[in-house]
Amino acid sequence: MVPALALEAITITFVSPDGARYTAVRDTSLRVAPGEFVSVVGPTGCGKSTLLNVAVGLLQPSAGRVSVFGEPLAGLNAKAGYLFQTEALMPWRTARANVAAGLEFRGVEHAEALRRADQWLQRVGLRGFGDRYPHQLSGGMRKRVALAQTLILDPQIILMDEPFSALDIQTRQLMENQLLELWSANRKSVVFITHDLEEAISLSDRVVVLAAGPESHPIGEFAIDLPRPRDVAEIRLTPRFIELHGLIWHAMREEVLKSYAQQQLH
C-alpha cells in the first residue's frame, strides 16, 4: 500500500546568522498509511513540530525526501489540512465566515460556502453560533471552529500540532471524542503531535516516540490495539491502556529526563 505520507531519512539543520549549526532532526523516517491515526510524542524540543512543518511543506528538509500518496512533495502539501497549536481564526470574521474562508479562497461561490460552513458548524456542535465572533466564544468553541475550518476543505491528510493543549481537561476530552467521531466517519490520515502520552494512546492506531534533541530520531513505535469506537475517558481505565502506557513511558522516560537536564543547563 502506498503511504498517504512518507518522510524518508529526513534531516533538518538550522544555520544561525553567525554560522552556528543546529541539527534538530537526523535521519528520521515516518510513514502514515491511508486512514491511519498516528501520534508523535517526545520531550520538549525534540523536533515534533519541525517534522510537521516539513510534512505540510512549510520547511524544506536539509536531507531526505517527502512524498504524498507516492508523489514527491513540491511546495505546500495541497492534500493536507493543518490545525495549529495557536489559534488561526480571523478576529474580524464570524465563526461562519471563518469556516467558509477556505472554500471562498478556492473559488466557491459565497452563498454556497456559507451553506457548507453552517453544516460543519452543526457537525462540530456549534449550531446557532455562526454569527459569533472569536472573542465571543470559549476556548473550546474556538477550537471547534478551527476544526471545522480545517475539515470543510476535505483534506486527505490532517496534521495537528498539540491542538487541545490549552484546554481544560473536561473540554479537552470532549474535543478528543469529537475528533474521533469526525475521523471515524471518513478515516482520513492523521498525524497528531502531543506531549500528552494518555492523549496519544487514547486517539491513535500507532504511537511514535522521538528521542530528545538535538539530532532527534524515532526510538520506538507502538501499535495501539485498543478497540474502536473509543471514549477517551473510559478507555484510560482499561487494563490494556494501562499496560500500553507503561510500555511507552518506559521508552520515553530517559529521553524526558535528558531533555529536562539539557534545559537546566540553559
Protein backbone atom coordinates (compact mmCIF):
# COMPACT_ATOMS: atom_id res chain seq x y z
CA MET A 1 0.00 0.00 0.00
CA VAL A 2 1.34 3.44 -0.94
CA PRO A 3 1.62 5.60 2.21
CA ALA A 4 -0.52 8.71 2.41
CA LEU A 5 2.52 10.49 3.81
CA ALA A 6 6.13 9.33 3.82
CA LEU A 7 9.07 11.13 5.38
CA GLU A 8 12.20 9.29 4.30
CA ALA A 9 15.57 9.79 6.06
CA ILE A 10 14.75 13.39 6.97
CA THR A 11 17.48 15.59 8.45
CA ILE A 12 16.78 19.19 9.42
CA THR A 13 19.69 21.51 10.22
CA PHE A 14 19.28 25.19 11.07
CA VAL A 15 22.11 27.67 10.49
CA SER A 16 22.18 30.86 12.58
CA PRO A 17 23.39 34.22 11.19
CA ASP A 18 26.79 33.67 12.84
CA GLY A 19 27.18 30.32 11.08
CA ALA A 20 26.41 28.06 14.03
CA ARG A 21 24.62 24.86 13.01
CA TYR A 22 21.91 23.04 14.96
CA THR A 23 20.55 19.71 13.73
CA ALA A 24 17.08 19.33 15.19
CA VAL A 25 16.22 16.01 13.50
CA ARG A 26 18.56 13.47 11.91
CA ASP A 27 17.82 10.57 9.56
CA THR A 28 14.17 10.26 10.60
CA SER A 29 11.60 8.25 8.65
CA LEU A 30 7.86 8.18 9.25
CA ARG A 31 5.18 6.56 7.12
CA VAL A 32 1.45 7.03 7.60
CA ALA A 33 -0.98 4.71 5.83
CA PRO A 34 -4.23 5.94 4.27
CA GLY A 35 -6.79 6.25 7.04
CA GLU A 36 -4.25 5.71 9.83
CA PHE A 37 -4.19 7.83 13.01
CA VAL A 38 -0.57 8.27 14.16
CA SER A 39 0.54 10.26 17.19
CA VAL A 40 4.11 11.50 17.65
CA VAL A 41 5.29 12.02 21.24
CA GLY A 42 8.55 13.03 22.82
CA PRO A 43 10.12 15.53 25.20
CA THR A 44 10.06 19.28 24.69
CA GLY A 45 12.38 20.40 21.89
CA CYS A 46 12.62 17.01 20.17
CA GLY A 47 11.51 18.30 16.76
CA LYS A 48 7.89 17.14 16.67
CA SER A 49 6.53 20.40 15.27
CA THR A 50 9.52 20.71 12.95
CA LEU A 51 8.64 17.38 11.33
CA LEU A 52 5.04 18.52 10.94
CA ASN A 53 6.23 21.70 9.19
CA VAL A 54 8.21 19.51 6.78
CA ALA A 55 5.14 17.33 6.15
CA VAL A 56 3.00 20.35 5.24
CA GLY A 57 5.71 21.91 3.08
CA LEU A 58 6.42 24.97 5.23
CA LEU A 59 10.00 23.81 5.83
CA GLN A 60 12.36 22.12 3.39
CA PRO A 61 14.47 19.29 4.87
CA SER A 62 18.26 19.56 4.70
CA ALA A 63 18.36 15.93 3.56
CA GLY A 64 15.83 13.24 2.76
CA ARG A 65 12.56 13.35 0.86
CA VAL A 66 8.84 13.75 1.49
CA SER A 67 6.17 12.05 -0.62
CA VAL A 68 2.39 12.32 -0.55
CA PHE A 69 0.47 9.32 -1.91
CA GLY A 70 3.66 8.29 -3.70
CA GLU A 71 4.37 11.68 -5.32
CA PRO A 72 7.33 13.85 -4.23
CA LEU A 73 6.18 16.91 -2.27
CA ALA A 74 6.98 20.18 -4.05
CA GLY A 75 5.90 23.35 -2.27
CA LEU A 76 2.93 23.28 0.08
CA ASN A 77 1.11 20.00 0.68
CA ALA A 78 -2.23 20.61 -1.05
CA LYS A 79 -3.64 17.30 0.24
CA ALA A 80 -3.10 18.25 3.90
CA GLY A 81 -5.02 20.36 6.39
CA TYR A 82 -3.05 21.85 9.29
CA LEU A 83 -4.55 22.53 12.73
CA PHE A 84 -2.14 24.73 14.66
CA GLN A 85 -1.49 24.82 18.39
CA THR A 86 -2.20 28.55 18.43
CA GLU A 87 -5.44 29.88 17.02
CA ALA A 88 -5.50 30.91 13.38
CA LEU A 89 -9.03 32.35 13.37
CA MET A 90 -9.54 35.79 11.84
CA PRO A 91 -10.94 38.01 14.63
CA TRP A 92 -12.86 40.26 12.22
CA ARG A 93 -14.81 37.31 10.78
CA THR A 94 -17.72 35.48 12.40
CA ALA A 95 -17.45 31.78 13.13
CA ARG A 96 -19.42 31.05 9.93
CA ALA A 97 -17.20 33.34 7.84
CA ASN A 98 -14.03 31.81 9.32
CA VAL A 99 -15.17 28.31 8.40
CA ALA A 100 -16.22 29.43 4.91
CA ALA A 101 -12.98 31.31 4.22
CA GLY A 102 -11.01 28.38 2.80
CA LEU A 103 -13.77 27.49 0.35
CA GLU A 104 -14.02 31.11 -0.80
CA PHE A 105 -10.26 31.24 -1.34
CA ARG A 106 -10.70 28.18 -3.59
CA GLY A 107 -13.36 29.95 -5.64
CA VAL A 108 -16.54 28.50 -4.17
CA GLU A 109 -19.45 30.92 -4.52
CA HIS A 110 -20.08 32.94 -1.34
CA ALA A 111 -23.60 31.68 -0.56
CA GLU A 112 -22.59 28.05 -1.13
CA ALA A 113 -19.51 28.46 1.08
CA LEU A 114 -21.68 29.84 3.90
CA ARG A 115 -24.18 27.00 3.48
CA ARG A 116 -21.45 24.39 3.85
CA ALA A 117 -19.96 26.32 6.78
CA ASP A 118 -23.28 26.11 8.61
CA GLN A 119 -23.32 22.34 8.02
CA TRP A 120 -19.85 21.99 9.50
CA LEU A 121 -20.63 24.19 12.48
CA GLN A 122 -23.54 21.86 13.19
CA ARG A 123 -21.27 18.81 12.87
CA VAL A 124 -18.87 20.20 15.50
CA GLY A 125 -21.69 21.08 17.87
CA LEU A 126 -21.90 24.83 17.20
CA ARG A 127 -25.30 25.14 15.58
CA GLY A 128 -26.63 28.63 16.31
CA PHE A 129 -23.18 30.12 16.97
CA GLY A 130 -22.34 31.07 13.36
CA ASP A 131 -22.80 34.81 13.94
CA ARG A 132 -20.48 34.93 16.96
CA TYR A 133 -17.01 36.42 16.62
CA PRO A 134 -13.98 34.55 18.03
CA HIS A 135 -13.78 36.80 21.12
CA GLN A 136 -17.39 35.85 21.93
CA LEU A 137 -16.57 32.12 22.03
CA SER A 138 -14.93 29.99 24.71
CA GLY A 139 -11.56 28.35 24.07
CA GLY A 140 -13.24 25.03 23.32
CA MET A 141 -15.68 26.64 20.91
CA ARG A 142 -12.84 28.38 19.06
CA LYS A 143 -11.09 25.02 18.70
CA ARG A 144 -14.28 23.57 17.21
CA VAL A 145 -14.44 26.43 14.72
CA ALA A 146 -10.79 25.79 13.81
CA LEU A 147 -11.52 22.07 13.39
CA ALA A 148 -14.46 22.82 11.10
CA GLN A 149 -12.29 25.34 9.21
CA THR A 150 -9.77 22.56 8.51
CA LEU A 151 -12.18 19.70 7.74
CA ILE A 152 -14.52 21.65 5.44
CA LEU A 153 -11.75 21.58 2.84
CA ASP A 154 -11.85 17.74 2.90
CA PRO A 155 -8.09 17.19 3.24
CA GLN A 156 -6.83 13.65 2.74
CA ILE A 157 -4.21 14.16 5.46
CA ILE A 158 -4.81 16.06 8.71
CA LEU A 159 -1.76 17.42 10.54
CA MET A 160 -2.43 18.50 14.14
CA ASP A 161 0.11 20.27 16.36
CA GLU A 162 -0.99 19.93 20.01
CA PRO A 163 -4.40 21.36 19.10
CA PHE A 164 -6.02 20.80 22.50
CA SER A 165 -3.12 21.55 24.85
CA ALA A 166 -4.52 24.90 26.08
CA LEU A 167 -7.93 23.49 27.04
CA ASP A 168 -9.11 22.36 30.48
CA ILE A 169 -9.27 18.61 30.93
CA GLN A 170 -13.05 18.29 30.56
CA THR A 171 -13.18 20.38 27.38
CA ARG A 172 -10.14 18.57 26.07
CA GLN A 173 -11.76 15.16 26.44
CA LEU A 174 -14.92 16.42 24.74
CA MET A 175 -12.81 17.68 21.81
CA GLU A 176 -10.85 14.42 21.63
CA ASN A 177 -14.06 12.39 21.43
CA GLN A 178 -15.47 14.77 18.83
CA LEU A 179 -12.30 14.44 16.77
CA LEU A 180 -12.55 10.63 16.90
CA GLU A 181 -16.19 10.75 15.86
CA LEU A 182 -15.45 13.01 12.87
CA TRP A 183 -12.38 10.96 11.92
CA SER A 184 -14.32 7.68 12.09
CA ALA A 185 -16.84 8.99 9.56
CA ASN A 186 -14.32 9.13 6.70
CA ARG A 187 -10.98 7.86 8.05
CA LYS A 188 -8.51 10.45 6.80
CA SER A 189 -4.82 10.02 7.61
CA VAL A 190 -3.88 11.91 10.77
CA VAL A 191 -0.52 12.92 12.24
CA PHE A 192 -1.15 14.18 15.77
CA ILE A 193 1.61 15.90 17.76
CA THR A 194 1.23 15.88 21.53
CA HIS A 195 3.20 15.95 24.79
CA ASP A 196 0.39 14.03 26.46
CA LEU A 197 1.02 10.28 26.33
CA GLU A 198 -2.50 9.46 27.56
CA GLU A 199 -3.97 11.58 24.76
CA ALA A 200 -1.76 9.85 22.19
CA ILE A 201 -2.77 6.35 23.28
CA SER A 202 -6.47 7.24 23.57
CA LEU A 203 -6.69 8.54 20.00
CA SER A 204 -4.24 6.58 17.92
CA ASP A 205 -3.67 3.47 15.88
CA ARG A 206 0.08 3.89 16.39
CA VAL A 207 2.34 5.98 18.64
CA VAL A 208 5.85 7.01 17.55
CA VAL A 209 8.32 8.13 20.25
CA LEU A 210 11.09 10.61 19.42
CA ALA A 211 14.40 10.96 21.27
CA ALA A 212 15.41 14.17 23.00
CA GLY A 213 17.07 16.74 20.73
CA PRO A 214 19.40 17.73 19.24
CA GLU A 215 19.57 15.19 16.41
CA SER A 216 16.24 13.69 17.43
CA HIS A 217 15.06 10.47 15.79
CA PRO A 218 12.45 7.76 16.45
CA ILE A 219 13.36 5.39 19.30
CA GLY A 220 10.14 3.42 19.49
CA GLU A 221 6.93 2.64 17.68
CA PHE A 222 3.88 1.08 19.34
CA ALA A 223 0.72 -0.33 17.77
CA ILE A 224 -2.36 0.66 19.81
CA ASP A 225 -4.65 -2.35 19.73
CA LEU A 226 -7.48 -0.85 21.79
CA PRO A 227 -10.95 -1.45 20.33
CA ARG A 228 -12.85 1.26 18.45
CA PRO A 229 -15.08 3.21 18.79
CA ARG A 230 -13.47 4.68 21.91
CA ASP A 231 -14.48 7.05 24.66
CA VAL A 232 -11.21 8.68 25.68
CA ALA A 233 -12.12 8.87 29.37
CA GLU A 234 -13.38 5.29 29.63
CA ILE A 235 -10.59 3.69 27.58
CA ARG A 236 -7.99 5.06 30.02
CA LEU A 237 -9.41 2.85 32.79
CA THR A 238 -8.88 -0.43 30.90
CA PRO A 239 -6.04 -2.83 31.76
CA ARG A 240 -4.66 -2.80 28.20
CA PHE A 241 -4.46 1.01 28.18
CA ILE A 242 -2.53 0.95 31.46
CA GLU A 243 -0.21 -1.73 30.05
CA LEU A 244 0.46 0.29 26.86
CA HIS A 245 1.05 3.44 28.90
CA GLY A 246 3.68 1.62 30.97
CA LEU A 247 5.45 0.26 27.88
CA ILE A 248 5.61 3.60 26.07
CA TRP A 249 6.53 5.61 29.17
CA HIS A 250 9.40 3.18 29.78
CA ALA A 251 10.71 4.07 26.30
CA MET A 252 10.15 7.82 26.86
CA ARG A 253 11.28 8.31 30.44
CA GLU A 254 15.04 8.53 29.89
CA GLU A 255 14.57 10.95 26.97
CA VAL A 256 12.30 13.22 29.02
CA LEU A 257 14.88 13.30 31.83
CA LYS A 258 17.64 14.00 29.31
CA SER A 259 15.65 16.89 27.83
CA TYR A 260 14.95 18.31 31.30
CA ALA A 261 18.66 18.16 32.18
CA GLN A 262 19.56 19.99 28.96
CA GLN A 263 17.04 22.74 29.74
CA GLN A 264 18.61 23.27 33.18
CA LEU A 265 21.99 23.87 31.51
CA HIS A 266 20.47 26.77 29.55
